[in-house]
Structures are given as structure tokens and as C-alpha cells.
């Protein structure tokens, strides 16, 4: 399960890119729309990144074709997830 800190970090990143979550839109659908991938791919990608896998491994697991998405944006999402998980870990020490 993805933590609230991760959700917040990814949401802030996508909003900075001009993607705004609609009032009735599920988080996974919002991220999928922002990244230009399916909801299923988004779920696999976020779970994989949340587990600490590299962007490349997460893309492979989610069957994301690198030429069909912004790899730079995916790296930014991975960094946002890593930073959020780092904040959570430091609070739990």
C-alpha cells in the first residue's frame, strides 16, 4: 500500500507539471493521466517504485514502453517517492 506521504509527493509533482486531480478522480487514474499510461500500469509502476526498484525495473514490470512516456517525468516521480519514503523512515526512528 502506498503511504500518504508518497501520494502527497507525487500529487505535488504532477500539479507542478500542470496536471490537476479532478474532484472525483481516483489517485491511480490521476497519475495514469499525468503520465500518459493505463491505470494498471500506474498501479504496478507505483508499487514497484514504492518497493525500491529502479525506474527501469518498474517500467519493465509495468510493461511501459520508454518511447511512449516521459522518462524524465518518471525519474522525477521516483525521486518524489524516494524522498517521501525517506521522510517517513526518519520520522519512525
N, C-alpha and C. Protein backbone atom coordinates (compact mmCIF):
# COMPACT_ATOMS: atom_id res chain seq x y z
N UNK A 1 0.84 -1.19 0.00
CA UNK A 1 0.00 0.00 0.00
C UNK A 1 0.89 1.25 0.00
N UNK A 2 0.52 2.21 -0.79
CA UNK A 2 1.31 3.43 -0.91
C UNK A 2 0.94 4.38 0.22
N UNK A 3 1.96 4.92 0.85
CA UNK A 3 1.75 5.78 2.01
C UNK A 3 1.21 7.15 1.60
N UNK A 4 0.61 7.83 2.57
CA UNK A 4 0.07 9.17 2.34
C UNK A 4 1.17 10.15 1.93
N UNK A 5 2.36 9.98 2.50
CA UNK A 5 3.49 10.86 2.15
C UNK A 5 3.84 10.71 0.67
N UNK A 6 3.82 9.48 0.16
CA UNK A 6 4.14 9.22 -1.24
C UNK A 6 3.06 9.84 -2.13
N UNK A 7 1.80 9.63 -1.76
CA UNK A 7 0.70 10.20 -2.53
C UNK A 7 0.83 11.71 -2.62
N UNK A 8 1.12 12.34 -1.49
CA UNK A 8 1.28 13.79 -1.45
C UNK A 8 2.42 14.25 -2.35
N UNK A 9 3.57 13.56 -2.28
CA UNK A 9 4.72 13.94 -3.09
C UNK A 9 4.46 13.81 -4.57
N UNK A 10 3.84 12.72 -4.98
CA UNK A 10 3.54 12.51 -6.40
C UNK A 10 2.50 13.51 -6.88
N UNK A 11 1.50 13.77 -6.05
CA UNK A 11 0.46 14.73 -6.42
C UNK A 11 1.07 16.12 -6.62
N UNK A 12 1.93 16.54 -5.70
CA UNK A 12 2.58 17.85 -5.82
C UNK A 12 3.42 17.94 -7.09
N UNK A 13 4.13 16.85 -7.41
CA UNK A 13 4.96 16.83 -8.60
C UNK A 13 4.10 16.98 -9.86
N UNK A 14 3.04 16.20 -9.96
CA UNK A 14 2.20 16.28 -11.14
C UNK A 14 1.51 17.63 -11.25
N UNK A 15 1.09 18.20 -10.11
CA UNK A 15 0.47 19.52 -10.15
C UNK A 15 1.46 20.57 -10.62
N UNK A 16 2.72 20.43 -10.25
CA UNK A 16 3.75 21.36 -10.72
C UNK A 16 3.95 21.23 -12.23
N UNK A 17 3.59 20.06 -12.78
CA UNK A 17 3.68 19.82 -14.23
C UNK A 17 2.41 20.28 -14.95
N UNK A 18 1.43 20.81 -14.18
CA UNK A 18 0.20 21.30 -14.77
C UNK A 18 -0.94 20.28 -14.81
N UNK A 19 -0.75 19.13 -14.16
CA UNK A 19 -1.80 18.10 -14.12
C UNK A 19 -2.51 18.23 -12.79
N UNK A 20 -3.81 18.54 -12.85
CA UNK A 20 -4.59 18.75 -11.63
C UNK A 20 -5.57 17.60 -11.47
N UNK A 21 -5.63 17.07 -10.26
CA UNK A 21 -6.53 15.97 -9.98
C UNK A 21 -7.97 16.47 -9.95
N UNK A 22 -8.85 15.79 -10.67
CA UNK A 22 -10.26 16.15 -10.69
C UNK A 22 -10.89 15.74 -9.36
N UNK A 23 -11.95 16.41 -8.98
CA UNK A 23 -12.55 16.19 -7.66
C UNK A 23 -13.02 14.75 -7.43
N UNK A 24 -13.48 14.07 -8.45
CA UNK A 24 -13.97 12.70 -8.29
C UNK A 24 -13.00 11.65 -8.83
N UNK A 25 -11.77 12.05 -9.12
CA UNK A 25 -10.79 11.17 -9.76
C UNK A 25 -9.97 10.40 -8.73
N UNK A 26 -9.90 9.10 -8.90
CA UNK A 26 -9.05 8.28 -8.04
C UNK A 26 -7.58 8.64 -8.28
N UNK A 27 -6.76 8.44 -7.24
CA UNK A 27 -5.35 8.80 -7.34
C UNK A 27 -4.66 8.07 -8.50
N UNK A 28 -4.91 6.78 -8.62
CA UNK A 28 -4.28 6.00 -9.69
C UNK A 28 -4.65 6.50 -11.07
N UNK A 29 -5.91 6.90 -11.25
CA UNK A 29 -6.35 7.44 -12.54
C UNK A 29 -5.70 8.80 -12.81
N UNK A 30 -5.56 9.60 -11.77
CA UNK A 30 -4.90 10.90 -11.87
C UNK A 30 -3.44 10.73 -12.32
N UNK A 31 -2.73 9.82 -11.67
CA UNK A 31 -1.33 9.58 -12.03
C UNK A 31 -1.23 9.01 -13.43
N UNK A 32 -2.13 8.08 -13.76
CA UNK A 32 -2.13 7.50 -15.10
C UNK A 32 -2.30 8.58 -16.17
N UNK A 33 -3.24 9.47 -15.94
CA UNK A 33 -3.48 10.57 -16.88
C UNK A 33 -2.25 11.47 -16.97
N UNK A 34 -1.64 11.76 -15.82
CA UNK A 34 -0.47 12.62 -15.80
C UNK A 34 0.73 12.03 -16.51
N UNK A 35 0.86 10.71 -16.42
CA UNK A 35 2.00 10.04 -17.05
C UNK A 35 1.69 9.54 -18.46
N UNK A 36 0.40 9.49 -18.81
CA UNK A 36 0.03 9.01 -20.14
C UNK A 36 0.09 7.50 -20.26
N UNK A 37 -0.21 6.79 -19.17
CA UNK A 37 -0.21 5.33 -19.17
C UNK A 37 -1.54 4.84 -18.59
N UNK A 38 -1.75 3.53 -18.63
CA UNK A 38 -3.01 2.98 -18.12
C UNK A 38 -3.01 2.93 -16.60
N UNK A 39 -4.20 2.79 -16.03
CA UNK A 39 -4.33 2.68 -14.57
C UNK A 39 -3.61 1.43 -14.06
N UNK A 40 -3.69 0.34 -14.81
CA UNK A 40 -3.00 -0.90 -14.41
C UNK A 40 -1.49 -0.68 -14.40
N UNK A 41 -0.97 -0.05 -15.44
CA UNK A 41 0.46 0.24 -15.49
C UNK A 41 0.88 1.14 -14.35
N UNK A 42 0.04 2.12 -14.04
CA UNK A 42 0.34 3.04 -12.94
C UNK A 42 0.43 2.30 -11.62
N UNK A 43 -0.51 1.41 -11.36
CA UNK A 43 -0.51 0.66 -10.11
C UNK A 43 0.77 -0.16 -9.97
N UNK A 44 1.14 -0.85 -11.02
CA UNK A 44 2.36 -1.67 -10.99
C UNK A 44 3.59 -0.79 -10.83
N UNK A 45 3.64 0.30 -11.59
CA UNK A 45 4.78 1.23 -11.54
C UNK A 45 4.95 1.79 -10.14
N UNK A 46 3.87 2.33 -9.56
CA UNK A 46 3.97 2.95 -8.23
C UNK A 46 4.32 1.93 -7.16
N UNK A 47 3.72 0.75 -7.23
CA UNK A 47 4.06 -0.30 -6.25
C UNK A 47 5.53 -0.68 -6.36
N UNK A 48 6.01 -0.83 -7.57
CA UNK A 48 7.40 -1.22 -7.79
C UNK A 48 8.36 -0.14 -7.29
N UNK A 49 8.07 1.12 -7.60
CA UNK A 49 8.92 2.22 -7.13
C UNK A 49 8.85 2.32 -5.61
N UNK A 50 7.67 2.13 -5.05
CA UNK A 50 7.48 2.19 -3.59
C UNK A 50 8.30 1.10 -2.91
N UNK A 51 8.48 -0.03 -3.58
CA UNK A 51 9.27 -1.14 -3.03
C UNK A 51 10.78 -0.93 -3.21
N UNK A 52 11.16 0.15 -3.89
CA UNK A 52 12.57 0.48 -4.03
C UNK A 52 13.22 0.04 -5.32
N UNK A 53 12.44 -0.41 -6.28
CA UNK A 53 13.01 -0.82 -7.57
C UNK A 53 13.41 0.40 -8.39
N UNK A 54 14.32 0.20 -9.31
CA UNK A 54 14.75 1.30 -10.18
C UNK A 54 13.62 1.67 -11.14
N UNK A 55 13.74 2.84 -11.75
CA UNK A 55 12.76 3.29 -12.72
C UNK A 55 12.68 2.30 -13.88
N UNK A 56 13.83 1.85 -14.34
CA UNK A 56 13.87 0.91 -15.46
C UNK A 56 13.17 -0.39 -15.11
N UNK A 57 13.44 -0.93 -13.91
CA UNK A 57 12.79 -2.18 -13.49
C UNK A 57 11.29 -1.98 -13.32
N UNK A 58 10.90 -0.84 -12.76
CA UNK A 58 9.47 -0.55 -12.57
C UNK A 58 8.77 -0.41 -13.91
N UNK A 59 9.41 0.22 -14.88
CA UNK A 59 8.84 0.36 -16.21
C UNK A 59 8.69 -1.01 -16.87
N UNK A 60 9.69 -1.83 -16.73
CA UNK A 60 9.64 -3.18 -17.29
C UNK A 60 8.50 -3.99 -16.67
N UNK A 61 8.38 -3.91 -15.34
CA UNK A 61 7.33 -4.65 -14.64
C UNK A 61 5.94 -4.20 -15.09
N UNK A 62 5.81 -2.92 -15.39
CA UNK A 62 4.52 -2.35 -15.78
C UNK A 62 4.28 -2.38 -17.29
N UNK A 63 5.21 -2.97 -18.04
CA UNK A 63 5.11 -3.02 -19.50
C UNK A 63 4.97 -1.64 -20.12
N UNK A 64 5.78 -0.71 -19.62
CA UNK A 64 5.76 0.66 -20.16
C UNK A 64 6.88 0.78 -21.19
N UNK A 65 6.53 1.20 -22.38
CA UNK A 65 7.50 1.40 -23.46
C UNK A 65 8.15 2.77 -23.26
N UNK A 66 9.48 2.80 -23.09
CA UNK A 66 10.16 4.07 -22.79
C UNK A 66 9.88 5.19 -23.79
N UNK A 67 9.69 4.86 -25.04
CA UNK A 67 9.45 5.90 -26.05
C UNK A 67 8.04 6.48 -25.98
N UNK A 68 7.16 5.86 -25.19
CA UNK A 68 5.77 6.32 -25.12
C UNK A 68 5.48 7.19 -23.90
N UNK A 69 6.48 7.39 -23.04
CA UNK A 69 6.30 8.21 -21.84
C UNK A 69 7.50 9.12 -21.66
N UNK A 70 7.35 10.10 -20.81
CA UNK A 70 8.46 10.98 -20.46
C UNK A 70 9.30 10.29 -19.38
N UNK A 71 10.42 9.75 -19.78
CA UNK A 71 11.27 9.08 -18.80
C UNK A 71 11.77 10.06 -17.74
N UNK A 72 11.96 11.31 -18.13
CA UNK A 72 12.36 12.33 -17.17
C UNK A 72 11.30 12.50 -16.08
N UNK A 73 10.03 12.52 -16.49
CA UNK A 73 8.95 12.64 -15.51
C UNK A 73 8.89 11.41 -14.61
N UNK A 74 9.12 10.23 -15.17
CA UNK A 74 9.13 9.02 -14.36
C UNK A 74 10.27 9.06 -13.33
N UNK A 75 11.42 9.58 -13.72
CA UNK A 75 12.53 9.71 -12.78
C UNK A 75 12.15 10.70 -11.68
N UNK A 76 11.48 11.78 -12.04
CA UNK A 76 11.03 12.74 -11.03
C UNK A 76 10.02 12.10 -10.07
N UNK A 77 9.12 11.26 -10.59
CA UNK A 77 8.17 10.55 -9.74
C UNK A 77 8.92 9.63 -8.79
N UNK A 78 9.90 8.90 -9.31
CA UNK A 78 10.69 8.00 -8.47
C UNK A 78 11.42 8.78 -7.37
N UNK A 79 11.96 9.93 -7.71
CA UNK A 79 12.64 10.76 -6.71
C UNK A 79 11.66 11.26 -5.65
N UNK A 80 10.46 11.65 -6.09
CA UNK A 80 9.45 12.12 -5.14
C UNK A 80 9.06 10.99 -4.19
N UNK A 81 8.94 9.78 -4.72
CA UNK A 81 8.62 8.63 -3.88
C UNK A 81 9.75 8.35 -2.91
N UNK A 82 10.98 8.37 -3.40
CA UNK A 82 12.13 8.14 -2.53
C UNK A 82 12.25 9.17 -1.43
N UNK A 83 12.03 10.43 -1.78
CA UNK A 83 12.10 11.49 -0.77
C UNK A 83 11.01 11.32 0.28
N UNK A 84 9.81 10.97 -0.17
CA UNK A 84 8.71 10.78 0.77
C UNK A 84 8.98 9.60 1.69
N UNK A 85 9.49 8.52 1.14
CA UNK A 85 9.80 7.35 1.97
C UNK A 85 10.93 7.66 2.94
N UNK A 86 11.87 8.50 2.51
CA UNK A 86 12.95 8.93 3.41
C UNK A 86 12.43 9.73 4.58
N UNK A 87 11.47 10.61 4.31
CA UNK A 87 10.86 11.40 5.39
C UNK A 87 10.11 10.50 6.38
N UNK A 88 9.39 9.52 5.84
CA UNK A 88 8.64 8.59 6.69
C UNK A 88 9.60 7.78 7.56
N UNK A 89 10.69 7.30 6.95
CA UNK A 89 11.66 6.50 7.69
C UNK A 89 12.32 7.30 8.79
N UNK A 90 12.63 8.57 8.52
CA UNK A 90 13.30 9.39 9.54
C UNK A 90 12.35 9.71 10.70
N UNK A 91 11.06 9.80 10.42
CA UNK A 91 10.08 10.04 11.49
C UNK A 91 9.91 8.82 12.38
N UNK A 92 10.13 7.64 11.81
CA UNK A 92 9.92 6.39 12.55
C UNK A 92 11.15 5.94 13.34
N UNK A 93 12.20 6.71 13.31
CA UNK A 93 13.42 6.32 14.04
C UNK A 93 13.34 6.71 15.47
